All heavy atoms as atom14 arrays in JSON, in Angstrom:
{
  "sequence": "GKEALDVVKSAETQIHLVLMDIMMPEMDGIEAMVKIRECS",
  "atom14_mask": [
    [1, 1, 1, 1, 0, 0, 0, 0, 0, 0, 0, 0, 0, 0],
    [1, 1, 1, 1, 1, 1, 1, 1, 1, 0, 0, 0, 0, 0],
    [1, 1, 1, 1, 1, 1, 1, 1, 1, 0, 0, 0, 0, 0],
    [1, 1, 1, 1, 1, 0, 0, 0, 0, 0, 0, 0, 0, 0],
    [1, 1, 1, 1, 1, 1, 1, 1, 0, 0, 0, 0, 0, 0],
    [1, 1, 1, 1, 1, 1, 1, 1, 0, 0, 0, 0, 0, 0],
    [1, 1, 1, 1, 1, 1, 1, 0, 0, 0, 0, 0, 0, 0],
    [1, 1, 1, 1, 1, 1, 1, 0, 0, 0, 0, 0, 0, 0],
    [1, 1, 1, 1, 1, 1, 1, 1, 1, 0, 0, 0, 0, 0],
    [1, 1, 1, 1, 1, 1, 0, 0, 0, 0, 0, 0, 0, 0],
    [1, 1, 1, 1, 1, 0, 0, 0, 0, 0, 0, 0, 0, 0],
    [1, 1, 1, 1, 1, 1, 1, 1, 1, 0, 0, 0, 0, 0],
    [1, 1, 1, 1, 1, 1, 1, 0, 0, 0, 0, 0, 0, 0],
    [1, 1, 1, 1, 1, 1, 1, 1, 1, 0, 0, 0, 0, 0],
    [1, 1, 1, 1, 1, 1, 1, 1, 0, 0, 0, 0, 0, 0],
    [1, 1, 1, 1, 1, 1, 1, 1, 1, 1, 0, 0, 0, 0],
    [1, 1, 1, 1, 1, 1, 1, 1, 0, 0, 0, 0, 0, 0],
    [1, 1, 1, 1, 1, 1, 1, 0, 0, 0, 0, 0, 0, 0],
    [1, 1, 1, 1, 1, 1, 1, 1, 0, 0, 0, 0, 0, 0],
    [1, 1, 1, 1, 1, 1, 1, 1, 0, 0, 0, 0, 0, 0],
    [1, 1, 1, 1, 1, 1, 1, 1, 0, 0, 0, 0, 0, 0],
    [1, 1, 1, 1, 1, 1, 1, 1, 0, 0, 0, 0, 0, 0],
    [1, 1, 1, 1, 1, 1, 1, 1, 0, 0, 0, 0, 0, 0],
    [1, 1, 1, 1, 1, 1, 1, 1, 0, 0, 0, 0, 0, 0],
    [1, 1, 1, 1, 1, 1, 1, 0, 0, 0, 0, 0, 0, 0],
    [1, 1, 1, 1, 1, 1, 1, 1, 1, 0, 0, 0, 0, 0],
    [1, 1, 1, 1, 1, 1, 1, 1, 0, 0, 0, 0, 0, 0],
    [1, 1, 1, 1, 1, 1, 1, 1, 0, 0, 0, 0, 0, 0],
    [1, 1, 1, 1, 0, 0, 0, 0, 0, 0, 0, 0, 0, 0],
    [1, 1, 1, 1, 1, 1, 1, 1, 0, 0, 0, 0, 0, 0],
    [1, 1, 1, 1, 1, 1, 1, 1, 1, 0, 0, 0, 0, 0],
    [1, 1, 1, 1, 1, 0, 0, 0, 0, 0, 0, 0, 0, 0],
    [1, 1, 1, 1, 1, 1, 1, 1, 0, 0, 0, 0, 0, 0],
    [1, 1, 1, 1, 1, 1, 1, 0, 0, 0, 0, 0, 0, 0],
    [1, 1, 1, 1, 1, 1, 1, 1, 1, 0, 0, 0, 0, 0],
    [1, 1, 1, 1, 1, 1, 1, 1, 0, 0, 0, 0, 0, 0],
    [1, 1, 1, 1, 1, 1, 1, 1, 1, 1, 1, 0, 0, 0],
    [1, 1, 1, 1, 1, 1, 1, 1, 1, 0, 0, 0, 0, 0],
    [1, 1, 1, 1, 1, 1, 0, 0, 0, 0, 0, 0, 0, 0],
    [1, 1, 1, 1, 1, 1, 0, 0, 0, 0, 0, 0, 0, 0]
  ],
  "atom14_positions": [
    [[-33.34, -64.27, 43.56], [-34.42, -64.49, 44.51], [-34.6, -63.36, 45.51], [-35.73, -63.06, 45.91], [0.0, 0.0, 0.0], [0.0, 0.0, 0.0], [0.0, 0.0, 0.0], [0.0, 0.0, 0.0], [0.0, 0.0, 0.0], [0.0, 0.0, 0.0], [0.0, 0.0, 0.0], [0.0, 0.0, 0.0], [0.0, 0.0, 0.0], [0.0, 0.0, 0.0]],
    [[-33.51, -62.76, 45.93], [-33.59, -61.66, 46.9], [-34.36, -60.48, 46.32], [-35.21, -59.87, 46.99], [-32.2, -61.23, 47.35], [-32.21, -60.18, 48.45], [-30.79, -59.84, 48.89], [-30.83, -58.83, 50.03], [-31.59, -57.6, 49.7], [0.0, 0.0, 0.0], [0.0, 0.0, 0.0], [0.0, 0.0, 0.0], [0.0, 0.0, 0.0], [0.0, 0.0, 0.0]],
    [[-34.06, -60.14, 45.07], [-34.77, -59.04, 44.42], [-36.26, -59.37, 44.29], [-37.12, -58.5, 44.5], [-34.18, -58.76, 43.04], [-32.78, -58.16, 43.07], [-32.24, -57.87, 41.68], [-32.96, -58.13, 40.69], [-31.1, -57.4, 41.57], [0.0, 0.0, 0.0], [0.0, 0.0, 0.0], [0.0, 0.0, 0.0], [0.0, 0.0, 0.0], [0.0, 0.0, 0.0]],
    [[-36.55, -60.61, 43.94], [-37.95, -61.03, 43.8], [-38.69, -60.9, 45.12], [-39.82, -60.39, 45.18], [-38.03, -62.47, 43.3], [0.0, 0.0, 0.0], [0.0, 0.0, 0.0], [0.0, 0.0, 0.0], [0.0, 0.0, 0.0], [0.0, 0.0, 0.0], [0.0, 0.0, 0.0], [0.0, 0.0, 0.0], [0.0, 0.0, 0.0], [0.0, 0.0, 0.0]],
    [[-38.05, -61.33, 46.2], [-38.67, -61.26, 47.52], [-38.95, -59.81, 47.91], [-40.01, -59.5, 48.46], [-37.76, -61.93, 48.55], [-38.3, -62.03, 49.98], [-39.57, -62.87, 50.01], [-37.23, -62.63, 50.9], [0.0, 0.0, 0.0], [0.0, 0.0, 0.0], [0.0, 0.0, 0.0], [0.0, 0.0, 0.0], [0.0, 0.0, 0.0], [0.0, 0.0, 0.0]],
    [[-38.0, -58.93, 47.6], [-38.18, -57.5, 47.92], [-39.39, -56.92, 47.19], [-40.15, -56.13, 47.74], [-36.93, -56.72, 47.57], [-35.76, -57.01, 48.5], [-36.01, -57.54, 49.6], [-34.61, -56.72, 48.12], [0.0, 0.0, 0.0], [0.0, 0.0, 0.0], [0.0, 0.0, 0.0], [0.0, 0.0, 0.0], [0.0, 0.0, 0.0], [0.0, 0.0, 0.0]],
    [[-39.57, -57.32, 45.92], [-40.7, -56.81, 45.14], [-42.02, -57.31, 45.72], [-42.98, -56.56, 45.86], [-40.57, -57.2, 43.65], [-41.83, -56.77, 42.88], [-39.34, -56.57, 43.03], [0.0, 0.0, 0.0], [0.0, 0.0, 0.0], [0.0, 0.0, 0.0], [0.0, 0.0, 0.0], [0.0, 0.0, 0.0], [0.0, 0.0, 0.0], [0.0, 0.0, 0.0]],
    [[-42.08, -58.61, 46.06], [-43.3, -59.18, 46.61], [-43.67, -58.51, 47.94], [-44.85, -58.26, 48.22], [-43.15, -60.71, 46.8], [-44.35, -61.28, 47.57], [-43.03, -61.4, 45.46], [0.0, 0.0, 0.0], [0.0, 0.0, 0.0], [0.0, 0.0, 0.0], [0.0, 0.0, 0.0], [0.0, 0.0, 0.0], [0.0, 0.0, 0.0], [0.0, 0.0, 0.0]],
    [[-42.67, -58.21, 48.74], [-42.92, -57.6, 50.05], [-43.21, -56.1, 49.97], [-43.67, -55.51, 50.95], [-41.71, -57.81, 50.96], [-41.57, -59.23, 51.49], [-40.41, -59.31, 52.47], [-40.34, -60.66, 53.15], [-39.24, -60.73, 54.13], [0.0, 0.0, 0.0], [0.0, 0.0, 0.0], [0.0, 0.0, 0.0], [0.0, 0.0, 0.0], [0.0, 0.0, 0.0]],
    [[-42.94, -55.5, 48.83], [-43.11, -54.06, 48.69], [-44.55, -53.63, 48.96], [-45.49, -54.23, 48.46], [-42.7, -53.6, 47.28], [-43.03, -52.24, 47.09], [0.0, 0.0, 0.0], [0.0, 0.0, 0.0], [0.0, 0.0, 0.0], [0.0, 0.0, 0.0], [0.0, 0.0, 0.0], [0.0, 0.0, 0.0], [0.0, 0.0, 0.0], [0.0, 0.0, 0.0]],
    [[-44.7, -52.6, 49.76], [-46.04, -52.08, 50.06], [-46.58, -51.26, 48.9], [-47.76, -50.95, 48.84], [-45.99, -51.22, 51.32], [0.0, 0.0, 0.0], [0.0, 0.0, 0.0], [0.0, 0.0, 0.0], [0.0, 0.0, 0.0], [0.0, 0.0, 0.0], [0.0, 0.0, 0.0], [0.0, 0.0, 0.0], [0.0, 0.0, 0.0], [0.0, 0.0, 0.0]],
    [[-45.7, -50.87, 47.98], [-46.1, -49.99, 46.88], [-46.72, -50.76, 45.71], [-47.46, -50.2, 44.92], [-44.89, -49.19, 46.38], [-44.27, -48.29, 47.44], [-43.05, -47.56, 46.93], [-42.68, -47.78, 45.76], [-42.47, -46.78, 47.68], [0.0, 0.0, 0.0], [0.0, 0.0, 0.0], [0.0, 0.0, 0.0], [0.0, 0.0, 0.0], [0.0, 0.0, 0.0]],
    [[-46.39, -52.04, 45.6], [-46.82, -52.82, 44.44], [-47.48, -54.11, 44.89], [-46.92, -54.86, 45.68], [-45.62, -53.17, 43.54], [-44.95, -51.97, 43.17], [-46.08, -53.9, 42.3], [0.0, 0.0, 0.0], [0.0, 0.0, 0.0], [0.0, 0.0, 0.0], [0.0, 0.0, 0.0], [0.0, 0.0, 0.0], [0.0, 0.0, 0.0], [0.0, 0.0, 0.0]],
    [[-48.66, -54.39, 44.37], [-49.31, -55.66, 44.63], [-49.05, -56.59, 43.45], [-49.49, -56.34, 42.34], [-50.82, -55.49, 44.81], [-51.5, -56.83, 45.14], [-53.0, -56.71, 45.21], [-53.56, -55.66, 44.95], [-53.66, -57.8, 45.56], [0.0, 0.0, 0.0], [0.0, 0.0, 0.0], [0.0, 0.0, 0.0], [0.0, 0.0, 0.0], [0.0, 0.0, 0.0]],
    [[-48.3, -57.66, 43.72], [-47.98, -58.64, 42.7], [-49.05, -59.73, 42.72], [-49.39, -60.26, 43.77], [-46.59, -59.25, 42.93], [-45.51, -58.17, 42.83], [-46.31, -60.38, 41.93], [-45.42, -57.51, 41.47], [0.0, 0.0, 0.0], [0.0, 0.0, 0.0], [0.0, 0.0, 0.0], [0.0, 0.0, 0.0], [0.0, 0.0, 0.0], [0.0, 0.0, 0.0]],
    [[-49.57, -60.06, 41.54], [-50.63, -61.06, 41.45], [-50.11, -62.44, 41.03], [-50.82, -63.43, 41.2], [-51.69, -60.6, 40.44], [-52.35, -59.31, 40.83], [-52.01, -58.1, 40.25], [-53.3, -59.03, 41.75], [-52.76, -57.14, 40.79], [-53.53, -57.68, 41.69], [0.0, 0.0, 0.0], [0.0, 0.0, 0.0], [0.0, 0.0, 0.0], [0.0, 0.0, 0.0]],
    [[-48.89, -62.49, 40.48], [-48.31, -63.77, 40.08], [-46.81, -63.6, 39.91], [-46.35, -62.54, 39.49], [-48.93, -64.28, 38.78], [-48.46, -65.65, 38.28], [-49.64, -66.46, 37.71], [-47.4, -65.51, 37.19], [0.0, 0.0, 0.0], [0.0, 0.0, 0.0], [0.0, 0.0, 0.0], [0.0, 0.0, 0.0], [0.0, 0.0, 0.0], [0.0, 0.0, 0.0]],
    [[-46.05, -64.66, 40.25], [-44.6, -64.65, 40.11], [-44.16, -65.76, 39.16], [-44.59, -66.92, 39.32], [-43.9, -64.85, 41.48], [-42.38, -64.88, 41.3], [-44.3, -63.75, 42.46], [0.0, 0.0, 0.0], [0.0, 0.0, 0.0], [0.0, 0.0, 0.0], [0.0, 0.0, 0.0], [0.0, 0.0, 0.0], [0.0, 0.0, 0.0], [0.0, 0.0, 0.0]],
    [[-43.35, -65.42, 38.18], [-42.67, -66.39, 37.32], [-41.2, -66.37, 37.73], [-40.54, -65.34, 37.62], [-42.8, -66.0, 35.85], [-44.15, -66.28, 35.17], [-44.23, -65.51, 33.86], [-44.31, -67.77, 34.92], [0.0, 0.0, 0.0], [0.0, 0.0, 0.0], [0.0, 0.0, 0.0], [0.0, 0.0, 0.0], [0.0, 0.0, 0.0], [0.0, 0.0, 0.0]],
    [[-40.67, -67.5, 38.2], [-39.34, -67.46, 38.8], [-38.49, -68.66, 38.43], [-38.93, -69.82, 38.5], [-39.46, -67.37, 40.33], [-38.15, -67.21, 41.07], [-38.41, -66.58, 42.75], [-39.52, -67.85, 43.4], [0.0, 0.0, 0.0], [0.0, 0.0, 0.0], [0.0, 0.0, 0.0], [0.0, 0.0, 0.0], [0.0, 0.0, 0.0], [0.0, 0.0, 0.0]],
    [[-37.25, -68.37, 38.05], [-36.28, -69.41, 37.75], [-35.82, -70.07, 39.06], [-35.95, -69.48, 40.15], [-35.08, -68.77, 37.04], [-34.09, -69.8, 36.53], [-34.51, -70.93, 36.24], [-32.89, -69.47, 36.43], [0.0, 0.0, 0.0], [0.0, 0.0, 0.0], [0.0, 0.0, 0.0], [0.0, 0.0, 0.0], [0.0, 0.0, 0.0], [0.0, 0.0, 0.0]],
    [[-35.29, -71.28, 38.97], [-34.8, -71.96, 40.16], [-33.33, -71.65, 40.41], [-32.94, -71.22, 41.49], [-35.0, -73.49, 40.03], [-36.5, -73.82, 40.08], [-34.27, -74.22, 41.17], [-36.8, -75.29, 39.96], [0.0, 0.0, 0.0], [0.0, 0.0, 0.0], [0.0, 0.0, 0.0], [0.0, 0.0, 0.0], [0.0, 0.0, 0.0], [0.0, 0.0, 0.0]],
    [[-32.48, -71.85, 39.4], [-31.04, -71.67, 39.57], [-30.66, -70.21, 39.36], [-30.63, -69.72, 38.23], [-30.27, -72.57, 38.6], [-30.59, -74.04, 38.76], [-30.21, -74.67, 40.42], [-28.42, -74.53, 40.4], [0.0, 0.0, 0.0], [0.0, 0.0, 0.0], [0.0, 0.0, 0.0], [0.0, 0.0, 0.0], [0.0, 0.0, 0.0], [0.0, 0.0, 0.0]],
    [[-30.4, -69.5, 40.47], [-30.04, -68.08, 40.41], [-29.01, -67.75, 41.48], [-28.93, -68.44, 42.5], [-31.29, -67.19, 40.61], [-32.34, -67.31, 39.53], [-33.72, -66.16, 39.81], [-34.44, -66.84, 41.31], [0.0, 0.0, 0.0], [0.0, 0.0, 0.0], [0.0, 0.0, 0.0], [0.0, 0.0, 0.0], [0.0, 0.0, 0.0], [0.0, 0.0, 0.0]],
    [[-28.21, -66.71, 41.28], [-27.23, -66.3, 42.28], [-27.89, -65.59, 43.47], [-29.07, -65.24, 43.41], [-26.33, -65.33, 41.5], [-27.25, -64.74, 40.47], [-28.16, -65.87, 40.07], [0.0, 0.0, 0.0], [0.0, 0.0, 0.0], [0.0, 0.0, 0.0], [0.0, 0.0, 0.0], [0.0, 0.0, 0.0], [0.0, 0.0, 0.0], [0.0, 0.0, 0.0]],
    [[-27.11, -65.41, 44.54], [-27.52, -64.73, 45.78], [-28.59, -65.5, 46.53], [-28.4, -65.87, 47.68], [-27.98, -63.29, 45.49], [-26.85, -62.36, 45.12], [-27.24, -60.9, 45.25], [-27.76, -60.49, 46.31], [-27.03, -60.17, 44.27], [0.0, 0.0, 0.0], [0.0, 0.0, 0.0], [0.0, 0.0, 0.0], [0.0, 0.0, 0.0], [0.0, 0.0, 0.0]],
    [[-29.74, -65.69, 45.93], [-30.81, -66.5, 46.53], [-31.52, -67.25, 45.42], [-32.04, -66.63, 44.49], [-31.81, -65.62, 47.29], [-32.93, -66.41, 47.98], [-34.2, -65.35, 48.72], [-33.26, -64.6, 50.05], [0.0, 0.0, 0.0], [0.0, 0.0, 0.0], [0.0, 0.0, 0.0], [0.0, 0.0, 0.0], [0.0, 0.0, 0.0], [0.0, 0.0, 0.0]],
    [[-31.49, -68.59, 45.47], [-32.11, -69.35, 44.38], [-33.64, -69.34, 44.51], [-34.2, -68.85, 45.49], [-31.56, -70.77, 44.31], [-31.89, -71.61, 45.54], [-32.96, -71.4, 46.14], [-31.08, -72.49, 45.9], [0.0, 0.0, 0.0], [0.0, 0.0, 0.0], [0.0, 0.0, 0.0], [0.0, 0.0, 0.0], [0.0, 0.0, 0.0], [0.0, 0.0, 0.0]],
    [[-34.29, -69.89, 43.49], [-35.74, -69.85, 43.44], [-36.41, -70.64, 44.54], [-37.5, -70.27, 45.0], [0.0, 0.0, 0.0], [0.0, 0.0, 0.0], [0.0, 0.0, 0.0], [0.0, 0.0, 0.0], [0.0, 0.0, 0.0], [0.0, 0.0, 0.0], [0.0, 0.0, 0.0], [0.0, 0.0, 0.0], [0.0, 0.0, 0.0], [0.0, 0.0, 0.0]],
    [[-35.8, -71.74, 44.99], [-36.4, -72.55, 46.05], [-36.4, -71.78, 47.37], [-37.41, -71.71, 48.07], [-35.64, -73.88, 46.22], [-35.7, -74.7, 44.92], [-36.22, -74.67, 47.39], [-37.1, -75.1, 44.5], [0.0, 0.0, 0.0], [0.0, 0.0, 0.0], [0.0, 0.0, 0.0], [0.0, 0.0, 0.0], [0.0, 0.0, 0.0], [0.0, 0.0, 0.0]],
    [[-35.26, -71.19, 47.71], [-35.18, -70.42, 48.96], [-36.12, -69.22, 48.9], [-36.8, -68.91, 49.88], [-33.74, -69.95, 49.2], [-33.56, -69.22, 50.53], [-32.14, -68.76, 50.78], [-31.25, -69.09, 49.96], [-31.92, -68.08, 51.81], [0.0, 0.0, 0.0], [0.0, 0.0, 0.0], [0.0, 0.0, 0.0], [0.0, 0.0, 0.0], [0.0, 0.0, 0.0]],
    [[-36.16, -68.56, 47.76], [-37.06, -67.42, 47.61], [-38.52, -67.87, 47.74], [-39.34, -67.18, 48.35], [-36.83, -66.75, 46.26], [0.0, 0.0, 0.0], [0.0, 0.0, 0.0], [0.0, 0.0, 0.0], [0.0, 0.0, 0.0], [0.0, 0.0, 0.0], [0.0, 0.0, 0.0], [0.0, 0.0, 0.0], [0.0, 0.0, 0.0], [0.0, 0.0, 0.0]],
    [[-38.83, -69.05, 47.18], [-40.18, -69.6, 47.26], [-40.6, -69.78, 48.71], [-41.72, -69.43, 49.11], [-40.19, -70.94, 46.53], [-41.48, -71.73, 46.54], [-42.72, -71.02, 45.46], [-43.73, -70.2, 46.66], [0.0, 0.0, 0.0], [0.0, 0.0, 0.0], [0.0, 0.0, 0.0], [0.0, 0.0, 0.0], [0.0, 0.0, 0.0], [0.0, 0.0, 0.0]],
    [[-39.71, -70.35, 49.52], [-40.0, -70.58, 50.93], [-40.28, -69.27, 51.65], [-41.23, -69.14, 52.43], [-38.83, -71.32, 51.61], [-39.05, -71.39, 53.13], [-38.68, -72.73, 51.04], [0.0, 0.0, 0.0], [0.0, 0.0, 0.0], [0.0, 0.0, 0.0], [0.0, 0.0, 0.0], [0.0, 0.0, 0.0], [0.0, 0.0, 0.0], [0.0, 0.0, 0.0]],
    [[-39.46, -68.26, 51.39], [-39.62, -66.96, 52.06], [-40.87, -66.22, 51.57], [-41.53, -65.53, 52.35], [-38.36, -66.11, 51.85], [-37.13, -66.68, 52.56], [-35.95, -65.76, 52.46], [-34.75, -66.31, 53.22], [-35.03, -66.4, 54.68], [0.0, 0.0, 0.0], [0.0, 0.0, 0.0], [0.0, 0.0, 0.0], [0.0, 0.0, 0.0], [0.0, 0.0, 0.0]],
    [[-41.19, -66.37, 50.3], [-42.41, -65.75, 49.79], [-43.63, -66.34, 50.47], [-44.57, -65.63, 50.85], [-42.52, -65.92, 48.26], [-41.52, -64.99, 47.55], [-43.93, -65.65, 47.77], [-41.43, -65.2, 46.05], [0.0, 0.0, 0.0], [0.0, 0.0, 0.0], [0.0, 0.0, 0.0], [0.0, 0.0, 0.0], [0.0, 0.0, 0.0], [0.0, 0.0, 0.0]],
    [[-43.61, -67.66, 50.68], [-44.76, -68.31, 51.31], [-44.93, -67.91, 52.78], [-45.99, -68.11, 53.37], [-44.63, -69.84, 51.21], [-45.05, -70.35, 49.84], [-46.55, -70.17, 49.61], [-46.93, -70.39, 48.21], [-47.15, -69.45, 47.33], [-47.04, -68.17, 47.7], [-47.49, -69.72, 46.1], [0.0, 0.0, 0.0], [0.0, 0.0, 0.0], [0.0, 0.0, 0.0]],
    [[-43.91, -67.35, 53.38], [-44.02, -66.86, 54.76], [-44.86, -65.59, 54.84], [-45.36, -65.25, 55.92], [-42.63, -66.6, 55.34], [-41.8, -67.86, 55.55], [-40.38, -67.56, 56.01], [-40.05, -66.35, 56.11], [-39.62, -68.5, 56.28], [0.0, 0.0, 0.0], [0.0, 0.0, 0.0], [0.0, 0.0, 0.0], [0.0, 0.0, 0.0], [0.0, 0.0, 0.0]],
    [[-45.0, -64.9, 53.71], [-45.7, -63.61, 53.75], [-46.79, -63.46, 52.7], [-47.53, -62.47, 52.73], [-44.69, -62.46, 53.6], [-43.84, -62.42, 51.99], [0.0, 0.0, 0.0], [0.0, 0.0, 0.0], [0.0, 0.0, 0.0], [0.0, 0.0, 0.0], [0.0, 0.0, 0.0], [0.0, 0.0, 0.0], [0.0, 0.0, 0.0], [0.0, 0.0, 0.0]],
    [[-46.9, -64.4, 51.76], [-47.86, -64.21, 50.67], [-48.32, -65.54, 50.1], [-47.58, -66.52, 50.08], [-47.21, -63.38, 49.54], [-48.06, -63.28, 48.43], [0.0, 0.0, 0.0], [0.0, 0.0, 0.0], [0.0, 0.0, 0.0], [0.0, 0.0, 0.0], [0.0, 0.0, 0.0], [0.0, 0.0, 0.0], [0.0, 0.0, 0.0], [0.0, 0.0, 0.0]]
  ]
}
């Protein structure tokens, strides 16, 4: 999830859609989902 969040926040790349697993190490998909919604 942390890597996914970094990509979404990147100023260099505009992401139009995210496909994301829920159960993941470091940051799971639910936590990443919440943080993504704070900025996108």
